[in-house]
């Protein structure tokens, strides 16, 4: 709803109650990322990733944060990690899209978003409020995806 300060406050309270609750760290990292607070985003997403060690559920967001923070090598390592994992297990296409968006690779980000759409990944329903994909919102392909996912008449991914 755009109430970033309230979200940050609530997430900090949640982390105080349970510092080992990975989803709170991950959500806080994504809020920081959307706010341009890249170093803080990386720190929170690294904590979330460490807390679920071995599970790549936060790899896309962490790779995106690395890319947006200018840590290209670290972002590329996350991308390689996902590609390696995909040889053994199913990996959500959306995760690849996040990293490419963070690296500024718009065409590749849209290729992966298209795969995510084709695979009917649930995260596609979150496109209108995917604040961390702000760099893609003004591209006509984003509006096209929104319409196909079921948000007719939406020109951009703005949640307002």
N, C-alpha and C. Protein backbone atom coordinates (compact mmCIF):
# COMPACT_ATOMS: atom_id res chain seq x y z
N UNK A 1 0.82 -1.21 0.00
CA UNK A 1 0.00 0.00 0.00
C UNK A 1 0.86 1.26 0.00
N UNK A 2 2.17 1.11 -0.08
CA UNK A 2 3.05 2.26 -0.09
C UNK A 2 3.42 2.78 1.30
N UNK A 3 3.02 2.08 2.33
CA UNK A 3 3.31 2.50 3.71
C UNK A 3 4.63 1.85 4.15
N UNK A 4 5.71 2.31 3.54
CA UNK A 4 7.02 1.71 3.72
C UNK A 4 7.50 1.80 5.17
N UNK A 5 7.36 2.97 5.79
CA UNK A 5 7.81 3.13 7.17
C UNK A 5 7.12 2.14 8.10
N UNK A 6 5.83 1.96 7.91
CA UNK A 6 5.08 1.02 8.74
C UNK A 6 5.55 -0.42 8.48
N UNK A 7 5.82 -0.74 7.24
CA UNK A 7 6.30 -2.09 6.91
C UNK A 7 7.65 -2.34 7.58
N UNK A 8 8.55 -1.37 7.49
CA UNK A 8 9.88 -1.52 8.10
C UNK A 8 9.74 -1.67 9.61
N UNK A 9 8.90 -0.86 10.21
CA UNK A 9 8.69 -0.93 11.66
C UNK A 9 8.16 -2.31 12.06
N UNK A 10 7.15 -2.78 11.34
CA UNK A 10 6.56 -4.08 11.67
C UNK A 10 7.56 -5.21 11.47
N UNK A 11 8.34 -5.14 10.42
CA UNK A 11 9.33 -6.18 10.16
C UNK A 11 10.42 -6.19 11.23
N UNK A 12 10.83 -5.01 11.69
CA UNK A 12 11.80 -4.95 12.78
C UNK A 12 11.22 -5.56 14.05
N UNK A 13 9.95 -5.27 14.33
CA UNK A 13 9.30 -5.86 15.51
C UNK A 13 9.24 -7.38 15.40
N UNK A 14 8.94 -7.86 14.21
CA UNK A 14 8.88 -9.30 13.99
C UNK A 14 10.25 -9.94 14.20
N UNK A 15 11.28 -9.30 13.69
CA UNK A 15 12.64 -9.82 13.84
C UNK A 15 13.07 -9.78 15.31
N UNK A 16 12.63 -8.75 16.04
CA UNK A 16 12.93 -8.71 17.48
C UNK A 16 12.29 -9.91 18.19
N UNK A 17 11.07 -10.25 17.80
CA UNK A 17 10.39 -11.39 18.42
C UNK A 17 11.06 -12.71 18.06
N UNK A 18 11.52 -12.82 16.80
CA UNK A 18 12.16 -14.06 16.36
C UNK A 18 13.24 -13.73 15.33
N UNK A 19 14.48 -13.50 15.80
CA UNK A 19 15.57 -13.15 14.89
C UNK A 19 15.89 -14.23 13.86
N UNK A 20 15.38 -15.44 14.06
CA UNK A 20 15.66 -16.55 13.14
C UNK A 20 14.55 -16.76 12.12
N UNK A 21 13.59 -15.84 12.06
CA UNK A 21 12.46 -15.95 11.13
C UNK A 21 12.88 -15.38 9.77
N UNK A 22 13.34 -16.27 8.91
CA UNK A 22 13.89 -15.88 7.61
C UNK A 22 12.94 -15.02 6.75
N UNK A 23 11.63 -15.34 6.69
CA UNK A 23 10.76 -14.52 5.85
C UNK A 23 10.75 -13.03 6.24
N UNK A 24 10.86 -12.73 7.52
CA UNK A 24 10.88 -11.32 7.93
C UNK A 24 12.13 -10.63 7.41
N UNK A 25 13.27 -11.30 7.49
CA UNK A 25 14.51 -10.72 6.96
C UNK A 25 14.41 -10.54 5.44
N UNK A 26 13.83 -11.54 4.77
CA UNK A 26 13.70 -11.46 3.31
C UNK A 26 12.78 -10.32 2.90
N UNK A 27 11.65 -10.19 3.57
CA UNK A 27 10.72 -9.10 3.23
C UNK A 27 11.36 -7.74 3.52
N UNK A 28 12.06 -7.63 4.64
CA UNK A 28 12.73 -6.38 4.96
C UNK A 28 13.78 -6.06 3.91
N UNK A 29 14.51 -7.07 3.48
CA UNK A 29 15.49 -6.87 2.41
C UNK A 29 14.86 -6.37 1.13
N UNK A 30 13.70 -6.92 0.77
CA UNK A 30 13.01 -6.48 -0.45
C UNK A 30 12.47 -5.05 -0.30
N UNK A 31 12.01 -4.70 0.89
CA UNK A 31 11.55 -3.33 1.12
C UNK A 31 12.73 -2.37 0.97
N UNK A 32 13.85 -2.71 1.60
CA UNK A 32 15.04 -1.87 1.46
C UNK A 32 15.47 -1.76 0.00
N UNK A 33 15.40 -2.86 -0.72
CA UNK A 33 15.79 -2.85 -2.13
C UNK A 33 14.91 -1.89 -2.93
N UNK A 34 13.62 -1.96 -2.72
CA UNK A 34 12.68 -1.07 -3.42
C UNK A 34 12.92 0.39 -3.04
N UNK A 35 13.43 0.62 -1.85
CA UNK A 35 13.70 1.98 -1.37
C UNK A 35 15.08 2.48 -1.79
N UNK A 36 15.86 1.65 -2.47
CA UNK A 36 17.19 2.05 -2.90
C UNK A 36 18.24 1.95 -1.80
N UNK A 37 17.92 1.26 -0.75
CA UNK A 37 18.85 1.06 0.37
C UNK A 37 19.56 -0.28 0.17
N UNK A 38 20.44 -0.28 -0.83
CA UNK A 38 21.01 -1.52 -1.35
C UNK A 38 21.86 -2.28 -0.34
N UNK A 39 22.72 -1.60 0.39
CA UNK A 39 23.58 -2.31 1.35
C UNK A 39 22.74 -2.96 2.44
N UNK A 40 21.73 -2.26 2.92
CA UNK A 40 20.84 -2.83 3.93
C UNK A 40 20.04 -4.00 3.35
N UNK A 41 19.64 -3.88 2.10
CA UNK A 41 18.91 -4.96 1.43
C UNK A 41 19.78 -6.21 1.35
N UNK A 42 21.02 -6.02 0.91
CA UNK A 42 21.94 -7.16 0.80
C UNK A 42 22.11 -7.82 2.17
N UNK A 43 22.33 -7.01 3.20
CA UNK A 43 22.55 -7.56 4.54
C UNK A 43 21.36 -8.41 5.00
N UNK A 44 20.15 -7.90 4.84
CA UNK A 44 18.97 -8.65 5.27
C UNK A 44 18.74 -9.90 4.44
N UNK A 45 18.96 -9.80 3.14
CA UNK A 45 18.75 -10.96 2.28
C UNK A 45 19.83 -12.01 2.50
N UNK A 46 21.03 -11.60 2.86
CA UNK A 46 22.07 -12.57 3.21
C UNK A 46 21.68 -13.31 4.49
N UNK A 47 21.14 -12.58 5.46
CA UNK A 47 20.68 -13.23 6.70
C UNK A 47 19.59 -14.25 6.37
N UNK A 48 18.61 -13.83 5.58
CA UNK A 48 17.51 -14.74 5.22
C UNK A 48 18.05 -15.98 4.51
N UNK A 49 18.97 -15.76 3.61
CA UNK A 49 19.55 -16.87 2.85
C UNK A 49 20.33 -17.81 3.77
N UNK A 50 21.09 -17.25 4.70
CA UNK A 50 21.85 -18.07 5.65
C UNK A 50 20.91 -18.89 6.54
N UNK A 51 19.79 -18.29 6.92
CA UNK A 51 18.85 -18.97 7.81
C UNK A 51 18.19 -20.18 7.17
N UNK A 52 18.13 -20.19 5.85
CA UNK A 52 17.53 -21.33 5.14
C UNK A 52 18.62 -22.08 4.36
N UNK A 53 19.78 -22.15 4.95
CA UNK A 53 20.97 -22.69 4.28
C UNK A 53 20.64 -23.93 3.45
N UNK A 54 21.14 -23.89 2.23
CA UNK A 54 20.88 -24.99 1.32
C UNK A 54 19.63 -24.81 0.47
N UNK A 55 18.73 -23.96 0.89
CA UNK A 55 17.50 -23.69 0.15
C UNK A 55 17.71 -22.39 -0.62
N UNK A 56 17.38 -22.39 -1.88
CA UNK A 56 17.63 -21.22 -2.72
C UNK A 56 16.42 -20.29 -2.84
N UNK A 57 15.50 -20.37 -1.91
CA UNK A 57 14.27 -19.61 -1.99
C UNK A 57 14.52 -18.09 -2.08
N UNK A 58 15.60 -17.59 -1.51
CA UNK A 58 15.89 -16.16 -1.54
C UNK A 58 17.01 -15.80 -2.52
N UNK A 59 17.47 -16.77 -3.29
CA UNK A 59 18.60 -16.55 -4.20
C UNK A 59 18.33 -15.47 -5.23
N UNK A 60 17.14 -15.47 -5.80
CA UNK A 60 16.81 -14.47 -6.81
C UNK A 60 16.83 -13.06 -6.24
N UNK A 61 16.21 -12.88 -5.08
CA UNK A 61 16.18 -11.56 -4.45
C UNK A 61 17.58 -11.12 -4.04
N UNK A 62 18.37 -12.05 -3.50
CA UNK A 62 19.73 -11.72 -3.10
C UNK A 62 20.57 -11.36 -4.31
N UNK A 63 20.45 -12.14 -5.37
CA UNK A 63 21.18 -11.83 -6.61
C UNK A 63 20.78 -10.49 -7.18
N UNK A 64 19.50 -10.19 -7.11
CA UNK A 64 19.02 -8.89 -7.58
C UNK A 64 19.62 -7.77 -6.74
N UNK A 65 19.64 -7.96 -5.43
CA UNK A 65 20.20 -6.95 -4.53
C UNK A 65 21.68 -6.74 -4.81
N UNK A 66 22.41 -7.83 -5.02
CA UNK A 66 23.82 -7.70 -5.37
C UNK A 66 23.98 -6.87 -6.64
N UNK A 67 23.19 -7.19 -7.65
CA UNK A 67 23.28 -6.44 -8.90
C UNK A 67 22.98 -4.97 -8.73
N UNK A 68 21.93 -4.67 -8.00
CA UNK A 68 21.54 -3.26 -7.80
C UNK A 68 22.54 -2.53 -6.92
N UNK A 69 23.25 -3.26 -6.07
CA UNK A 69 24.27 -2.67 -5.20
C UNK A 69 25.60 -2.51 -5.93
N UNK A 70 25.64 -2.91 -7.19
CA UNK A 70 26.87 -2.79 -7.96
C UNK A 70 27.84 -3.94 -7.74
N UNK A 71 27.36 -5.00 -7.13
CA UNK A 71 28.21 -6.17 -6.86
C UNK A 71 27.95 -7.23 -7.93
N UNK A 72 28.33 -6.88 -9.15
CA UNK A 72 28.03 -7.70 -10.33
C UNK A 72 28.56 -9.14 -10.19
N UNK A 73 29.79 -9.30 -9.70
CA UNK A 73 30.36 -10.64 -9.58
C UNK A 73 29.52 -11.51 -8.65
N UNK A 74 29.09 -10.94 -7.54
CA UNK A 74 28.26 -11.69 -6.59
C UNK A 74 26.92 -12.06 -7.22
N UNK A 75 26.35 -11.12 -7.99
CA UNK A 75 25.08 -11.40 -8.68
C UNK A 75 25.26 -12.52 -9.69
N UNK A 76 26.35 -12.49 -10.42
CA UNK A 76 26.61 -13.53 -11.41
C UNK A 76 26.81 -14.89 -10.72
N UNK A 77 27.43 -14.91 -9.54
CA UNK A 77 27.58 -16.16 -8.80
C UNK A 77 26.22 -16.72 -8.41
N UNK A 78 25.28 -15.85 -8.01
CA UNK A 78 23.94 -16.30 -7.67
C UNK A 78 23.24 -16.88 -8.90
N UNK A 79 23.43 -16.24 -10.03
CA UNK A 79 22.85 -16.72 -11.28
C UNK A 79 23.41 -18.11 -11.62
N UNK A 80 24.72 -18.27 -11.48
CA UNK A 80 25.35 -19.56 -11.73
C UNK A 80 24.83 -20.63 -10.77
N UNK A 81 24.68 -20.25 -9.51
CA UNK A 81 24.16 -21.17 -8.50
C UNK A 81 22.75 -21.66 -8.88
N UNK A 82 21.91 -20.74 -9.34
CA UNK A 82 20.55 -21.12 -9.76
C UNK A 82 20.59 -22.03 -10.98
N UNK A 83 21.46 -21.71 -11.95
CA UNK A 83 21.56 -22.56 -13.15
C UNK A 83 22.03 -23.97 -12.78
N UNK A 84 23.00 -24.06 -11.87
CA UNK A 84 23.49 -25.36 -11.42
C UNK A 84 22.38 -26.14 -10.72
N UNK A 85 21.66 -25.46 -9.86
CA UNK A 85 20.57 -26.09 -9.12
C UNK A 85 19.47 -26.57 -10.07
N UNK A 86 19.23 -25.79 -11.12
CA UNK A 86 18.17 -26.13 -12.08
C UNK A 86 18.47 -27.43 -12.83
N UNK A 87 19.72 -27.85 -12.83
CA UNK A 87 20.06 -29.13 -13.47
C UNK A 87 19.55 -30.31 -12.65
N UNK A 88 19.33 -30.07 -11.36
CA UNK A 88 18.91 -31.15 -10.46
C UNK A 88 17.46 -30.99 -9.97
N UNK A 89 17.04 -29.73 -9.80
CA UNK A 89 15.72 -29.43 -9.22
C UNK A 89 15.05 -28.33 -10.03
N UNK A 90 13.76 -28.25 -9.89
CA UNK A 90 13.04 -27.16 -10.55
C UNK A 90 13.33 -25.85 -9.82
N UNK A 91 13.67 -24.83 -10.57
CA UNK A 91 13.94 -23.50 -10.02
C UNK A 91 12.98 -22.54 -10.70
N UNK A 92 12.33 -21.71 -9.93
CA UNK A 92 11.37 -20.76 -10.48
C UNK A 92 12.05 -19.80 -11.45
N UNK A 93 11.47 -19.66 -12.61
CA UNK A 93 11.99 -18.74 -13.62
C UNK A 93 12.03 -17.31 -13.10
N UNK A 94 11.09 -16.98 -12.22
CA UNK A 94 11.02 -15.63 -11.67
C UNK A 94 12.32 -15.26 -10.95
N UNK A 95 12.98 -16.25 -10.34
CA UNK A 95 14.24 -15.98 -9.64
C UNK A 95 15.30 -15.47 -10.61
N UNK A 96 15.37 -16.08 -11.78
CA UNK A 96 16.33 -15.65 -12.80
C UNK A 96 15.99 -14.23 -13.28
N UNK A 97 14.69 -13.98 -13.43
CA UNK A 97 14.24 -12.66 -13.87
C UNK A 97 14.68 -11.58 -12.88
N UNK A 98 14.55 -11.86 -11.58
CA UNK A 98 14.95 -10.89 -10.57
C UNK A 98 16.42 -10.52 -10.70
N UNK A 99 17.27 -11.53 -10.85
CA UNK A 99 18.70 -11.24 -10.94
C UNK A 99 19.02 -10.44 -12.20
N UNK A 100 18.43 -10.83 -13.32
CA UNK A 100 18.68 -10.07 -14.55
C UNK A 100 18.17 -8.64 -14.42
N UNK A 101 17.04 -8.44 -13.77
CA UNK A 101 16.55 -7.08 -13.55
C UNK A 101 17.54 -6.29 -12.69
N UNK A 102 18.09 -6.92 -11.66
CA UNK A 102 19.06 -6.26 -10.80
C UNK A 102 20.34 -5.90 -11.52
N UNK A 103 20.69 -6.70 -12.51
CA UNK A 103 21.89 -6.44 -13.30
C UNK A 103 21.64 -5.46 -14.44
N UNK A 104 20.38 -5.07 -14.63
CA UNK A 104 20.04 -4.15 -15.72
C UNK A 104 19.88 -4.83 -17.06
N UNK A 105 19.78 -6.15 -17.07
CA UNK A 105 19.59 -6.93 -18.30
C UNK A 105 18.10 -7.06 -18.58
N UNK A 106 17.49 -6.00 -19.10
CA UNK A 106 16.04 -6.00 -19.26
C UNK A 106 15.53 -7.08 -20.20
N UNK A 107 16.20 -7.28 -21.32
CA UNK A 107 15.72 -8.29 -22.26
C UNK A 107 15.72 -9.68 -21.64
N UNK A 108 16.81 -10.02 -20.92
CA UNK A 108 16.88 -11.31 -20.27
C UNK A 108 15.84 -11.42 -19.15
N UNK A 109 15.64 -10.31 -18.42
CA UNK A 109 14.63 -10.32 -17.35
C UNK A 109 13.26 -10.64 -17.95
N UNK A 110 12.92 -10.01 -19.08
CA UNK A 110 11.63 -10.28 -19.70
C UNK A 110 11.54 -11.70 -20.27
N UNK A 111 12.64 -12.25 -20.77
CA UNK A 111 12.63 -13.63 -21.24
C UNK A 111 12.26 -14.57 -20.09
N UNK A 112 12.85 -14.33 -18.91
CA UNK A 112 12.57 -15.18 -17.75
C UNK A 112 11.17 -14.92 -17.19
N UNK A 113 10.71 -13.68 -17.24
CA UNK A 113 9.34 -13.39 -16.81
C UNK A 113 8.34 -14.10 -17.72
N UNK A 114 8.64 -14.14 -18.99
CA UNK A 114 7.77 -14.84 -19.95
C UNK A 114 7.73 -16.33 -19.61
N UNK A 115 8.89 -16.91 -19.28
CA UNK A 115 8.92 -18.32 -18.88
C UNK A 115 8.12 -18.52 -17.60
N UNK A 116 8.24 -17.58 -16.69
CA UNK A 116 7.48 -17.65 -15.44
C UNK A 116 5.99 -17.63 -15.73
N UNK A 117 5.59 -16.78 -16.66
CA UNK A 117 4.18 -16.71 -17.06
C UNK A 117 3.74 -18.04 -17.69
N UNK A 118 4.54 -18.56 -18.61
CA UNK A 118 4.20 -19.82 -19.28
C UNK A 118 4.09 -20.97 -18.30
N UNK A 119 4.91 -20.94 -17.25
CA UNK A 119 4.90 -22.01 -16.25
C UNK A 119 3.83 -21.76 -15.18
N UNK A 120 3.15 -20.63 -15.30
CA UNK A 120 2.09 -20.28 -14.35
C UNK A 120 2.59 -20.24 -12.91
N UNK A 121 3.77 -19.64 -12.74
CA UNK A 121 4.33 -19.50 -11.40
C UNK A 121 3.49 -18.50 -10.62
N UNK A 122 3.17 -18.85 -9.39
CA UNK A 122 2.26 -18.04 -8.58
C UNK A 122 2.74 -16.61 -8.39
N UNK A 123 4.03 -16.36 -8.41
CA UNK A 123 4.54 -15.01 -8.15
C UNK A 123 4.11 -14.02 -9.24
N UNK A 124 3.70 -14.52 -10.37
CA UNK A 124 3.24 -13.62 -11.44
C UNK A 124 2.01 -12.84 -11.00
N UNK A 125 1.24 -13.39 -10.07
CA UNK A 125 0.07 -12.68 -9.55
C UNK A 125 0.48 -11.45 -8.75
N UNK A 126 1.75 -11.37 -8.36
CA UNK A 126 2.24 -10.24 -7.56
C UNK A 126 2.85 -9.13 -8.41
N UNK A 127 2.83 -9.27 -9.71
CA UNK A 127 3.45 -8.26 -10.58
C UNK A 127 3.01 -6.82 -10.28
N UNK A 128 1.73 -6.56 -10.05
CA UNK A 128 1.34 -5.16 -9.82
C UNK A 128 1.99 -4.53 -8.58
N UNK A 129 2.41 -5.35 -7.65
CA UNK A 129 3.00 -4.81 -6.42
C UNK A 129 4.45 -5.24 -6.24
N UNK A 130 5.07 -5.74 -7.28
CA UNK A 130 6.47 -6.18 -7.22
C UNK A 130 7.37 -4.95 -7.28
N UNK A 131 7.51 -4.29 -6.15
CA UNK A 131 8.27 -3.04 -6.08
C UNK A 131 9.70 -3.19 -6.57
N UNK A 132 10.31 -4.35 -6.37
CA UNK A 132 11.71 -4.51 -6.77
C UNK A 132 11.88 -4.63 -8.28
N UNK A 133 10.78 -4.71 -9.02
CA UNK A 133 10.85 -4.74 -10.48
C UNK A 133 10.57 -3.37 -11.09
N UNK A 134 10.71 -2.35 -10.29
CA UNK A 134 10.43 -0.99 -10.74
C UNK A 134 11.16 -0.58 -12.01
N UNK A 135 12.37 -1.11 -12.20
CA UNK A 135 13.15 -0.76 -13.39
C UNK A 135 12.51 -1.28 -14.68
N UNK A 136 11.58 -2.22 -14.56
CA UNK A 136 10.94 -2.81 -15.74
C UNK A 136 9.57 -2.22 -16.03
N UNK A 137 9.02 -1.51 -15.10
CA UNK A 137 7.61 -1.08 -15.19
C UNK A 137 7.26 -0.22 -16.39
N UNK A 138 8.20 0.56 -16.85
CA UNK A 138 7.88 1.49 -17.94
C UNK A 138 8.07 0.87 -19.32
N UNK A 139 8.48 -0.38 -19.33
CA UNK A 139 8.63 -1.11 -20.58
C UNK A 139 7.25 -1.65 -20.96
N UNK A 140 6.82 -1.49 -22.21
CA UNK A 140 5.50 -1.99 -22.64
C UNK A 140 5.31 -3.48 -22.40
N UNK A 141 6.40 -4.24 -22.36
CA UNK A 141 6.28 -5.68 -22.12
C UNK A 141 5.74 -5.96 -20.71
N UNK A 142 6.01 -5.06 -19.78
CA UNK A 142 5.51 -5.25 -18.41
C UNK A 142 3.99 -5.10 -18.40
N UNK A 143 3.49 -4.06 -19.06
CA UNK A 143 2.05 -3.87 -19.16
C UNK A 143 1.37 -5.03 -19.86
N UNK A 144 2.02 -5.56 -20.89
CA UNK A 144 1.48 -6.72 -21.60
C UNK A 144 1.39 -7.92 -20.66
N UNK A 145 2.43 -8.16 -19.87
CA UNK A 145 2.39 -9.26 -18.91
C UNK A 145 1.28 -9.05 -17.89
N UNK A 146 1.14 -7.83 -17.40
CA UNK A 146 0.08 -7.54 -16.43
C UNK A 146 -1.30 -7.89 -16.99
N UNK A 147 -1.54 -7.49 -18.23
CA UNK A 147 -2.83 -7.78 -18.85
C UNK A 147 -3.05 -9.29 -19.00
N UNK A 148 -2.01 -10.00 -19.42
CA UNK A 148 -2.14 -11.44 -19.61
C UNK A 148 -2.31 -12.20 -18.30
N UNK A 149 -1.71 -11.67 -17.24
CA UNK A 149 -1.85 -12.31 -15.93
C UNK A 149 -3.25 -12.08 -15.37
N UNK A 150 -3.91 -11.01 -15.83
CA UNK A 150 -5.28 -10.78 -15.37
C UNK A 150 -5.52 -9.42 -14.77
N UNK A 151 -4.67 -8.46 -15.10
CA UNK A 151 -4.83 -7.09 -14.62
C UNK A 151 -5.08 -6.18 -15.83
N UNK A 152 -6.25 -6.30 -16.45
CA UNK A 152 -6.54 -5.53 -17.66
C UNK A 152 -6.55 -4.03 -17.40
N UNK A 153 -6.07 -3.31 -18.39
CA UNK A 153 -6.10 -1.84 -18.28
C UNK A 153 -4.94 -1.26 -17.52
N UNK A 154 -4.05 -2.11 -17.01
CA UNK A 154 -2.90 -1.61 -16.27
C UNK A 154 -1.81 -1.26 -17.26
N UNK A 155 -1.31 -0.05 -17.16
CA UNK A 155 -0.24 0.39 -18.05
C UNK A 155 1.13 0.07 -17.47
N UNK A 156 1.24 0.14 -16.14
CA UNK A 156 2.51 -0.12 -15.48
C UNK A 156 2.23 -1.01 -14.27
N UNK A 157 3.29 -1.32 -13.56
CA UNK A 157 3.15 -2.15 -12.38
C UNK A 157 2.91 -1.34 -11.12
N UNK A 158 2.53 -0.09 -11.24
CA UNK A 158 2.32 0.74 -10.05
C UNK A 158 1.17 0.19 -9.22
N UNK A 159 1.40 0.00 -7.90
CA UNK A 159 0.34 -0.56 -7.07
C UNK A 159 -0.79 0.43 -6.81
N UNK A 160 -0.65 1.66 -7.22
CA UNK A 160 -1.67 2.67 -6.96
C UNK A 160 -2.68 2.78 -8.08
